[in-house]
Amino acid sequence: MEIPVAAVTKYLGMHLDHKLNWRGHTVTKRKQIELKVKKKLSWLLGRKLQLSIANKLLIYITIIKPIWTYGIEIWGCASKSSQAILQKAQSKILRVITNAPWYVSNLTLHEDLKIPYVREVVFDKYAKHHQKLEMHPNPLLYPLLDIGQPRRLKWTRPMDLL
């Protein structure tokens, strides 16, 4: 009996490909976000609805943001282009929430709504995760904190985010 080979596999909600570059994971999460916004939440976040911006942001923070932040401590070391996929989706959602015209910059949207960029969320989440690892009583976790380990590849590791 042969074991089938797959390009991408899903394990505990993380989409792992054969190169572990997280591109497949970020693309899948973007599709999930777009499906959730367009199909299920368009009647709440739509431009014609008279719901306040604060309530629309609350919907974003409680329903949409957890979709892409799940496992961010692991996939946060993905390349900038992979993270940009999620950043574009986030910016589109903020534009829909505020009904902003095309000439309003994403920087203005993020600053006015006090929503951090994807990259900032990655840094914050990993910094908190690293602090938890430092204070954890289990000695088996200490090798995860060793920053000086040699590496063969030029891949970014989560600890490189610090």
Protein backbone atom coordinates (compact mmCIF):
# COMPACT_ATOMS: atom_id res chain seq x y z
CA MET A 1 0.00 0.00 0.00
CA GLU A 2 1.45 3.34 -1.07
CA ILE A 3 1.01 6.52 0.90
CA PRO A 4 -0.36 9.26 -1.38
CA VAL A 5 1.78 12.36 -1.84
CA ALA A 6 0.05 15.71 -1.54
CA ALA A 7 1.39 19.17 -2.32
CA VAL A 8 -0.38 20.68 0.69
CA THR A 9 -1.76 19.05 3.81
CA LYS A 10 -3.87 20.47 6.59
CA TYR A 11 -2.85 19.68 10.15
CA LEU A 12 -4.46 21.36 13.16
CA GLY A 13 -5.72 24.19 10.98
CA MET A 14 -2.30 24.91 9.48
CA HIS A 15 -1.81 24.32 5.76
CA LEU A 16 1.66 22.84 5.30
CA ASP A 17 3.28 22.51 1.89
CA HIS A 18 6.32 20.47 0.95
CA LYS A 19 8.66 23.50 1.19
CA LEU A 20 7.22 24.91 4.44
CA ASN A 21 7.23 28.45 3.06
CA TRP A 22 3.67 29.20 4.31
CA ARG A 23 2.48 30.62 0.99
CA GLY A 24 -0.24 28.00 0.70
CA HIS A 25 -1.37 28.75 4.24
CA THR A 26 -1.64 32.49 3.69
CA VAL A 27 -3.45 32.04 0.37
CA THR A 28 -5.93 29.66 2.00
CA LYS A 29 -6.52 32.05 4.88
CA ARG A 30 -7.10 34.93 2.44
CA LYS A 31 -9.69 32.83 0.61
CA GLN A 32 -11.40 31.96 3.90
CA ILE A 33 -11.51 35.64 4.87
CA GLU A 34 -12.92 36.71 1.51
CA LEU A 35 -15.54 33.95 1.62
CA LYS A 36 -16.56 34.95 5.14
CA VAL A 37 -16.81 38.65 4.25
CA LYS A 38 -18.49 38.31 0.84
CA LYS A 39 -20.86 35.44 1.51
CA LYS A 40 -21.67 35.47 5.21
CA LEU A 41 -20.99 38.95 6.56
CA SER A 42 -21.69 41.22 3.60
CA TRP A 43 -25.10 42.10 5.01
CA LEU A 44 -23.41 43.29 8.24
CA LEU A 45 -20.31 44.96 6.83
CA GLY A 46 -21.89 46.25 3.63
CA ARG A 47 -21.69 49.83 2.52
CA LYS A 48 -25.45 50.39 2.66
CA LEU A 49 -25.94 49.21 6.22
CA GLN A 50 -26.28 51.92 8.83
CA LEU A 51 -24.30 50.01 11.45
CA SER A 52 -21.69 52.18 13.17
CA ILE A 53 -18.01 51.85 12.29
CA ALA A 54 -17.24 50.83 15.88
CA ASN A 55 -19.65 47.89 15.60
CA LYS A 56 -18.26 46.89 12.21
CA LEU A 57 -14.73 46.95 13.69
CA LEU A 58 -15.94 44.79 16.55
CA ILE A 59 -17.23 42.26 14.00
CA TYR A 60 -13.86 42.36 12.23
CA ILE A 61 -11.90 41.87 15.45
CA THR A 62 -14.07 39.05 16.80
CA ILE A 63 -14.88 37.08 13.65
CA ILE A 64 -12.41 37.83 10.86
CA LYS A 65 -9.11 38.56 12.65
CA PRO A 66 -8.96 35.16 14.45
CA ILE A 67 -9.06 33.45 11.05
CA TRP A 68 -5.67 34.81 10.02
CA THR A 69 -4.05 35.13 13.46
CA TYR A 70 -4.44 31.45 14.35
CA GLY A 71 -0.95 29.95 14.61
CA ILE A 72 0.73 33.26 13.81
CA GLU A 73 3.59 32.41 16.20
CA ILE A 74 4.55 29.64 13.78
CA TRP A 75 3.77 31.03 10.32
CA GLY A 76 4.74 34.59 11.24
CA CYS A 77 8.22 33.97 9.88
CA ALA A 78 6.75 33.66 6.38
CA SER A 79 8.18 35.86 3.65
CA LYS A 80 7.05 39.45 3.25
CA SER A 81 5.23 38.56 0.04
CA SER A 82 3.23 35.86 1.83
CA GLN A 83 2.31 38.28 4.60
CA ALA A 84 1.38 40.88 2.00
CA ILE A 85 -1.37 38.54 0.81
CA LEU A 86 -3.08 38.86 4.18
CA GLN A 87 -2.30 42.56 4.41
CA LYS A 88 -4.16 43.20 1.15
CA ALA A 89 -7.19 41.30 2.45
CA GLN A 90 -7.10 43.27 5.71
CA SER A 91 -6.89 46.59 3.87
CA LYS A 92 -9.83 45.67 1.64
CA ILE A 93 -11.95 44.80 4.65
CA LEU A 94 -11.10 48.09 6.38
CA ARG A 95 -12.05 49.91 3.19
CA VAL A 96 -15.43 48.15 3.12
CA ILE A 97 -16.02 48.84 6.82
CA THR A 98 -15.38 52.57 6.48
CA ASN A 99 -16.75 52.95 2.95
CA ALA A 100 -13.52 54.78 2.13
CA PRO A 101 -12.97 56.09 -1.40
CA TRP A 102 -10.01 54.97 -3.50
CA TYR A 103 -7.85 58.01 -2.70
CA VAL A 104 -7.73 57.36 1.07
CA SER A 105 -4.45 55.62 1.85
CA ASN A 106 -4.19 52.39 3.79
CA LEU A 107 -1.93 54.15 6.29
CA THR A 108 -4.71 56.62 7.04
CA LEU A 109 -7.24 53.80 7.47
CA HIS A 110 -4.99 51.90 9.87
CA GLU A 111 -4.11 54.97 11.91
CA ASP A 112 -7.66 56.29 12.17
CA LEU A 113 -9.15 52.91 13.09
CA LYS A 114 -6.18 51.98 15.34
CA ILE A 115 -5.84 48.61 13.59
CA PRO A 116 -2.22 47.41 13.35
CA TYR A 117 -0.73 46.08 10.14
CA VAL A 118 -0.27 42.32 9.76
CA ARG A 119 3.48 42.65 10.27
CA GLU A 120 2.98 44.51 13.56
CA VAL A 121 0.60 41.81 14.79
CA VAL A 122 3.20 39.16 13.92
CA PHE A 123 5.88 40.95 15.96
CA ASP A 124 3.59 41.50 18.95
CA LYS A 125 2.27 37.94 19.04
CA TYR A 126 5.72 36.39 18.73
CA ALA A 127 7.19 38.68 21.39
CA LYS A 128 4.46 37.58 23.81
CA HIS A 129 5.01 33.94 22.84
CA HIS A 130 8.75 34.27 23.42
CA GLN A 131 8.18 35.79 26.87
CA LYS A 132 5.92 32.88 27.79
CA LEU A 133 8.61 30.43 26.67
CA GLU A 134 11.22 32.16 28.82
CA MET A 135 9.07 31.88 31.94
CA HIS A 136 7.80 28.35 31.31
CA PRO A 137 8.91 25.79 33.91
CA ASN A 138 9.38 22.95 31.38
CA PRO A 139 13.12 22.59 30.60
CA LEU A 140 12.35 20.86 27.29
CA LEU A 141 11.27 24.21 25.85
CA TYR A 142 14.60 25.95 26.46
CA PRO A 143 16.19 24.83 23.16
CA LEU A 144 13.45 26.81 21.40
CA LEU A 145 14.93 29.96 22.94
CA ASP A 146 18.49 29.31 21.74
CA ILE A 147 19.05 32.06 19.18
CA GLY A 148 22.67 31.13 18.42
CA GLN A 149 21.91 27.79 16.76
CA PRO A 150 23.66 27.34 13.40
CA ARG A 151 21.46 26.90 10.36
CA ARG A 152 22.01 25.58 6.88
CA LEU A 153 19.30 27.49 5.08
CA LYS A 154 18.51 31.19 4.79
CA TRP A 155 14.94 30.73 5.95
CA THR A 156 13.64 33.11 8.55
CA ARG A 157 12.91 31.47 11.88
CA PRO A 158 10.29 32.77 14.32
CA MET A 159 13.01 33.84 16.74
CA ASP A 160 14.48 36.09 14.01
CA LEU A 161 11.44 38.33 14.47
CA LEU A 162 12.74 39.62 17.80
